Amino acid sequence: MAEWVTVGTADQVSEDEPLGAKVGDKHVGVFRVDGKLYAIDDICPHAYALLSQGFVDGQTVECCLHGAVFDLPTGKVLKEPADRGVRTWQVREAGGEIQVLDE
């Protein structure tokens, strides 16, 4: 059954500082762009690197290891070397907490 899981607090996610968190054994990256929250799988599918440590440019994030680029709203890969996108998570801010829906 799906449930909302707290992964951090609102002050831990800014336009300049994404949040990397774990939900069970899954890594989730939470990003704030123009005041809106996005959450995606935090592990680049090309090679193990945390996307929350990458370079955010508008609604995209570039992996810091090999430069693959992902669209934050959809998780789609926009630039190789990654050959597939990443999962997106439903995310919300509730009572000062950042929560993702664990399905």
N, C-alpha and C. Protein backbone atom coordinates (compact mmCIF):
# COMPACT_ATOMS: atom_id res chain seq x y z
N MET A 1 0.83 -1.18 0.00
CA MET A 1 0.00 0.00 0.00
C MET A 1 0.88 1.25 0.00
N ALA A 2 0.51 2.22 -0.82
CA ALA A 2 1.29 3.45 -0.93
C ALA A 2 1.14 4.29 0.32
N GLU A 3 2.25 4.91 0.73
CA GLU A 3 2.21 5.79 1.89
C GLU A 3 3.20 6.92 1.71
N TRP A 4 2.86 8.08 2.29
CA TRP A 4 3.76 9.24 2.27
C TRP A 4 4.85 9.02 3.32
N VAL A 5 6.09 9.22 2.91
CA VAL A 5 7.25 9.02 3.77
C VAL A 5 8.02 10.33 3.86
N THR A 6 8.31 10.77 5.06
CA THR A 6 9.10 11.99 5.26
C THR A 6 10.57 11.69 4.97
N VAL A 7 11.16 12.53 4.09
CA VAL A 7 12.56 12.34 3.73
C VAL A 7 13.44 13.50 4.18
N GLY A 8 12.81 14.56 4.69
CA GLY A 8 13.58 15.71 5.15
C GLY A 8 12.65 16.85 5.50
N THR A 9 13.26 17.99 5.74
CA THR A 9 12.48 19.18 6.07
C THR A 9 12.58 20.19 4.93
N ALA A 10 11.61 21.08 4.88
CA ALA A 10 11.55 22.06 3.79
C ALA A 10 12.82 22.90 3.70
N ASP A 11 13.44 23.20 4.83
CA ASP A 11 14.64 24.03 4.80
C ASP A 11 15.88 23.28 4.31
N GLN A 12 15.76 21.97 4.08
CA GLN A 12 16.89 21.19 3.57
C GLN A 12 16.94 21.18 2.04
N VAL A 13 15.91 21.72 1.38
CA VAL A 13 15.85 21.73 -0.08
C VAL A 13 15.71 23.17 -0.56
N SER A 14 16.69 23.63 -1.32
CA SER A 14 16.61 24.97 -1.88
C SER A 14 16.90 24.89 -3.37
N GLU A 15 16.78 26.02 -4.05
CA GLU A 15 17.07 26.07 -5.49
C GLU A 15 18.52 25.65 -5.75
N ASP A 16 19.39 25.92 -4.80
CA ASP A 16 20.82 25.63 -4.98
C ASP A 16 21.26 24.33 -4.33
N GLU A 17 20.41 23.73 -3.52
CA GLU A 17 20.83 22.56 -2.74
C GLU A 17 19.74 21.49 -2.75
N PRO A 18 19.85 20.50 -3.68
CA PRO A 18 18.91 19.38 -3.65
C PRO A 18 19.13 18.53 -2.40
N LEU A 19 18.19 17.66 -2.15
CA LEU A 19 18.25 16.75 -1.00
C LEU A 19 18.34 15.32 -1.49
N GLY A 20 19.33 14.60 -1.02
CA GLY A 20 19.43 13.17 -1.28
C GLY A 20 18.93 12.42 -0.06
N ALA A 21 18.06 11.43 -0.27
CA ALA A 21 17.49 10.69 0.85
C ALA A 21 17.30 9.22 0.46
N LYS A 22 16.98 8.40 1.46
CA LYS A 22 16.67 6.99 1.20
C LYS A 22 15.27 6.69 1.69
N VAL A 23 14.56 5.91 0.90
CA VAL A 23 13.25 5.38 1.27
C VAL A 23 13.41 3.87 1.19
N GLY A 24 13.54 3.23 2.34
CA GLY A 24 13.90 1.81 2.34
C GLY A 24 15.27 1.66 1.73
N ASP A 25 15.37 0.86 0.65
CA ASP A 25 16.66 0.69 -0.02
C ASP A 25 16.77 1.52 -1.29
N LYS A 26 15.81 2.44 -1.50
CA LYS A 26 15.78 3.27 -2.71
C LYS A 26 16.32 4.67 -2.41
N HIS A 27 17.15 5.16 -3.31
CA HIS A 27 17.70 6.51 -3.20
C HIS A 27 16.79 7.47 -3.97
N VAL A 28 16.43 8.59 -3.33
CA VAL A 28 15.56 9.59 -3.93
C VAL A 28 16.25 10.95 -3.86
N GLY A 29 16.20 11.67 -4.97
CA GLY A 29 16.71 13.04 -5.00
C GLY A 29 15.53 14.00 -5.08
N VAL A 30 15.53 15.01 -4.21
CA VAL A 30 14.45 16.00 -4.19
C VAL A 30 15.05 17.34 -4.59
N PHE A 31 14.41 18.00 -5.56
CA PHE A 31 14.90 19.24 -6.13
C PHE A 31 13.81 20.30 -6.03
N ARG A 32 14.21 21.56 -5.83
CA ARG A 32 13.27 22.68 -5.84
C ARG A 32 13.67 23.60 -7.00
N VAL A 33 12.72 23.80 -7.93
CA VAL A 33 12.96 24.65 -9.09
C VAL A 33 11.80 25.63 -9.20
N ASP A 34 12.11 26.91 -9.15
CA ASP A 34 11.08 27.96 -9.20
C ASP A 34 9.97 27.70 -8.17
N GLY A 35 10.37 27.25 -6.99
CA GLY A 35 9.44 27.01 -5.90
C GLY A 35 8.72 25.68 -5.95
N LYS A 36 8.84 24.93 -7.05
CA LYS A 36 8.15 23.65 -7.19
C LYS A 36 9.10 22.50 -6.85
N LEU A 37 8.58 21.48 -6.18
CA LEU A 37 9.38 20.31 -5.81
C LEU A 37 9.28 19.22 -6.87
N TYR A 38 10.40 18.57 -7.11
CA TYR A 38 10.49 17.40 -7.99
C TYR A 38 11.26 16.33 -7.25
N ALA A 39 10.90 15.08 -7.45
CA ALA A 39 11.64 13.96 -6.86
C ALA A 39 11.85 12.89 -7.92
N ILE A 40 13.07 12.41 -8.01
CA ILE A 40 13.44 11.37 -8.97
C ILE A 40 14.33 10.35 -8.28
N ASP A 41 14.48 9.17 -8.90
CA ASP A 41 15.49 8.24 -8.41
C ASP A 41 16.83 8.97 -8.43
N ASP A 42 17.60 8.80 -7.39
CA ASP A 42 18.82 9.59 -7.22
C ASP A 42 20.05 8.94 -7.84
N ILE A 43 19.93 7.70 -8.30
CA ILE A 43 21.08 7.00 -8.86
C ILE A 43 21.03 7.08 -10.39
N CYS A 44 22.08 7.59 -10.99
CA CYS A 44 22.16 7.64 -12.45
C CYS A 44 22.18 6.21 -13.00
N PRO A 45 21.35 5.89 -14.00
CA PRO A 45 21.32 4.53 -14.53
C PRO A 45 22.55 4.17 -15.37
N HIS A 46 23.36 5.15 -15.73
CA HIS A 46 24.56 4.85 -16.52
C HIS A 46 25.68 4.29 -15.64
N ALA A 47 25.95 4.94 -14.54
CA ALA A 47 27.01 4.52 -13.62
C ALA A 47 26.64 5.09 -12.27
N TYR A 48 27.01 4.40 -11.23
CA TYR A 48 26.59 4.80 -9.89
C TYR A 48 27.10 6.20 -9.54
N ALA A 49 26.19 7.14 -9.54
CA ALA A 49 26.47 8.51 -9.11
C ALA A 49 25.16 9.09 -8.61
N LEU A 50 25.23 9.93 -7.60
CA LEU A 50 24.02 10.54 -7.05
C LEU A 50 23.66 11.79 -7.85
N LEU A 51 22.46 11.79 -8.44
CA LEU A 51 22.03 12.94 -9.22
C LEU A 51 21.83 14.17 -8.35
N SER A 52 21.53 13.98 -7.07
CA SER A 52 21.37 15.13 -6.16
C SER A 52 22.70 15.86 -5.96
N GLN A 53 23.80 15.26 -6.40
CA GLN A 53 25.10 15.93 -6.34
C GLN A 53 25.50 16.49 -7.70
N GLY A 54 24.56 16.43 -8.65
CA GLY A 54 24.82 16.90 -10.00
C GLY A 54 24.58 18.40 -10.15
N PHE A 55 24.49 18.82 -11.39
CA PHE A 55 24.37 20.24 -11.73
C PHE A 55 22.96 20.52 -12.22
N VAL A 56 22.22 21.32 -11.48
CA VAL A 56 20.84 21.66 -11.84
C VAL A 56 20.86 22.89 -12.74
N ASP A 57 20.12 22.79 -13.85
CA ASP A 57 19.99 23.91 -14.78
C ASP A 57 18.54 23.96 -15.22
N GLY A 58 17.80 24.90 -14.68
CA GLY A 58 16.37 24.95 -14.96
C GLY A 58 15.70 23.69 -14.45
N GLN A 59 14.97 23.01 -15.33
CA GLN A 59 14.27 21.78 -14.92
C GLN A 59 15.04 20.52 -15.30
N THR A 60 16.37 20.63 -15.39
CA THR A 60 17.19 19.47 -15.71
C THR A 60 18.29 19.32 -14.66
N VAL A 61 18.80 18.09 -14.58
CA VAL A 61 19.96 17.83 -13.72
C VAL A 61 20.96 17.03 -14.55
N GLU A 62 22.22 17.42 -14.44
CA GLU A 62 23.31 16.75 -15.14
C GLU A 62 24.10 15.92 -14.15
N CYS A 63 24.29 14.66 -14.46
CA CYS A 63 25.07 13.78 -13.60
C CYS A 63 26.51 14.29 -13.52
N CYS A 64 27.03 14.34 -12.31
CA CYS A 64 28.37 14.88 -12.09
C CYS A 64 29.47 13.93 -12.56
N LEU A 65 29.13 12.67 -12.83
CA LEU A 65 30.16 11.70 -13.20
C LEU A 65 30.46 11.70 -14.70
N HIS A 66 29.44 11.51 -15.54
CA HIS A 66 29.68 11.41 -16.98
C HIS A 66 28.82 12.36 -17.82
N GLY A 67 28.03 13.23 -17.18
CA GLY A 67 27.33 14.27 -17.91
C GLY A 67 25.98 13.91 -18.51
N ALA A 68 25.41 12.76 -18.15
CA ALA A 68 24.05 12.46 -18.62
C ALA A 68 23.11 13.51 -18.04
N VAL A 69 22.08 13.88 -18.81
CA VAL A 69 21.14 14.92 -18.39
C VAL A 69 19.74 14.34 -18.32
N PHE A 70 19.01 14.68 -17.25
CA PHE A 70 17.66 14.18 -17.02
C PHE A 70 16.69 15.33 -16.80
N ASP A 71 15.47 15.16 -17.30
CA ASP A 71 14.39 16.11 -17.10
C ASP A 71 13.76 15.84 -15.74
N LEU A 72 13.73 16.83 -14.86
CA LEU A 72 13.21 16.63 -13.50
C LEU A 72 11.71 16.33 -13.48
N PRO A 73 10.86 17.00 -14.26
CA PRO A 73 9.43 16.69 -14.21
C PRO A 73 9.07 15.28 -14.70
N THR A 74 9.81 14.77 -15.70
CA THR A 74 9.43 13.49 -16.31
C THR A 74 10.39 12.35 -16.03
N GLY A 75 11.63 12.66 -15.65
CA GLY A 75 12.65 11.63 -15.46
C GLY A 75 13.30 11.17 -16.75
N LYS A 76 12.87 11.71 -17.89
CA LYS A 76 13.42 11.28 -19.18
C LYS A 76 14.88 11.67 -19.30
N VAL A 77 15.64 10.78 -19.95
CA VAL A 77 17.03 11.10 -20.24
C VAL A 77 17.05 12.02 -21.46
N LEU A 78 17.80 13.10 -21.36
CA LEU A 78 17.89 14.08 -22.44
C LEU A 78 19.24 14.06 -23.13
N LYS A 79 20.24 13.47 -22.47
CA LYS A 79 21.58 13.43 -23.04
C LYS A 79 22.29 12.18 -22.55
N GLU A 80 22.94 11.50 -23.48
CA GLU A 80 23.73 10.31 -23.14
C GLU A 80 24.91 10.72 -22.27
N PRO A 81 25.54 9.78 -21.59
CA PRO A 81 25.62 8.37 -21.92
C PRO A 81 24.51 7.50 -21.31
N ALA A 82 23.65 8.02 -20.47
CA ALA A 82 22.57 7.18 -19.94
C ALA A 82 21.66 6.77 -21.10
N ASP A 83 21.17 5.53 -21.05
CA ASP A 83 20.33 5.03 -22.13
C ASP A 83 18.86 4.88 -21.71
N ARG A 84 18.54 5.31 -20.49
CA ARG A 84 17.15 5.27 -20.03
C ARG A 84 16.96 6.34 -18.95
N GLY A 85 15.71 6.69 -18.76
CA GLY A 85 15.38 7.70 -17.76
C GLY A 85 15.34 7.13 -16.36
N VAL A 86 14.91 7.96 -15.43
CA VAL A 86 14.80 7.57 -14.03
C VAL A 86 13.34 7.72 -13.59
N ARG A 87 12.98 7.01 -12.57
CA ARG A 87 11.63 7.07 -12.01
C ARG A 87 11.39 8.43 -11.37
N THR A 88 10.19 8.94 -11.54
CA THR A 88 9.78 10.13 -10.79
C THR A 88 8.93 9.69 -9.62
N TRP A 89 8.95 10.47 -8.56
CA TRP A 89 8.19 10.21 -7.34
C TRP A 89 7.21 11.36 -7.11
N GLN A 90 6.04 11.07 -6.60
CA GLN A 90 5.17 12.14 -6.15
C GLN A 90 5.80 12.73 -4.90
N VAL A 91 5.80 14.04 -4.81
CA VAL A 91 6.45 14.72 -3.69
C VAL A 91 5.56 15.87 -3.23
N ARG A 92 5.61 16.14 -1.94
CA ARG A 92 4.83 17.25 -1.39
C ARG A 92 5.55 17.82 -0.17
N GLU A 93 5.15 19.05 0.16
CA GLU A 93 5.61 19.68 1.39
C GLU A 93 4.40 19.75 2.32
N ALA A 94 4.52 19.18 3.50
CA ALA A 94 3.39 19.14 4.46
C ALA A 94 3.92 19.44 5.85
N GLY A 95 3.42 20.51 6.45
CA GLY A 95 3.83 20.86 7.79
C GLY A 95 5.32 21.07 7.95
N GLY A 96 5.96 21.62 6.91
CA GLY A 96 7.39 21.86 6.97
C GLY A 96 8.25 20.65 6.65
N GLU A 97 7.62 19.52 6.33
CA GLU A 97 8.35 18.30 5.97
C GLU A 97 8.25 18.04 4.47
N ILE A 98 9.28 17.45 3.91
CA ILE A 98 9.27 16.97 2.53
C ILE A 98 8.91 15.50 2.57
N GLN A 99 7.89 15.13 1.81
CA GLN A 99 7.43 13.75 1.79
C GLN A 99 7.33 13.25 0.35
N VAL A 100 7.65 11.97 0.16
CA VAL A 100 7.47 11.31 -1.14
C VAL A 100 6.52 10.15 -0.95
N LEU A 101 5.80 9.82 -2.02
CA LEU A 101 4.86 8.72 -1.97
C LEU A 101 5.58 7.44 -2.33
N ASP A 102 5.70 6.54 -1.36
CA ASP A 102 6.35 5.25 -1.55
C ASP A 102 5.30 4.26 -2.04
N GLU A 103 5.43 3.88 -3.31
CA GLU A 103 4.44 2.96 -3.90
C GLU A 103 4.98 1.57 -4.05
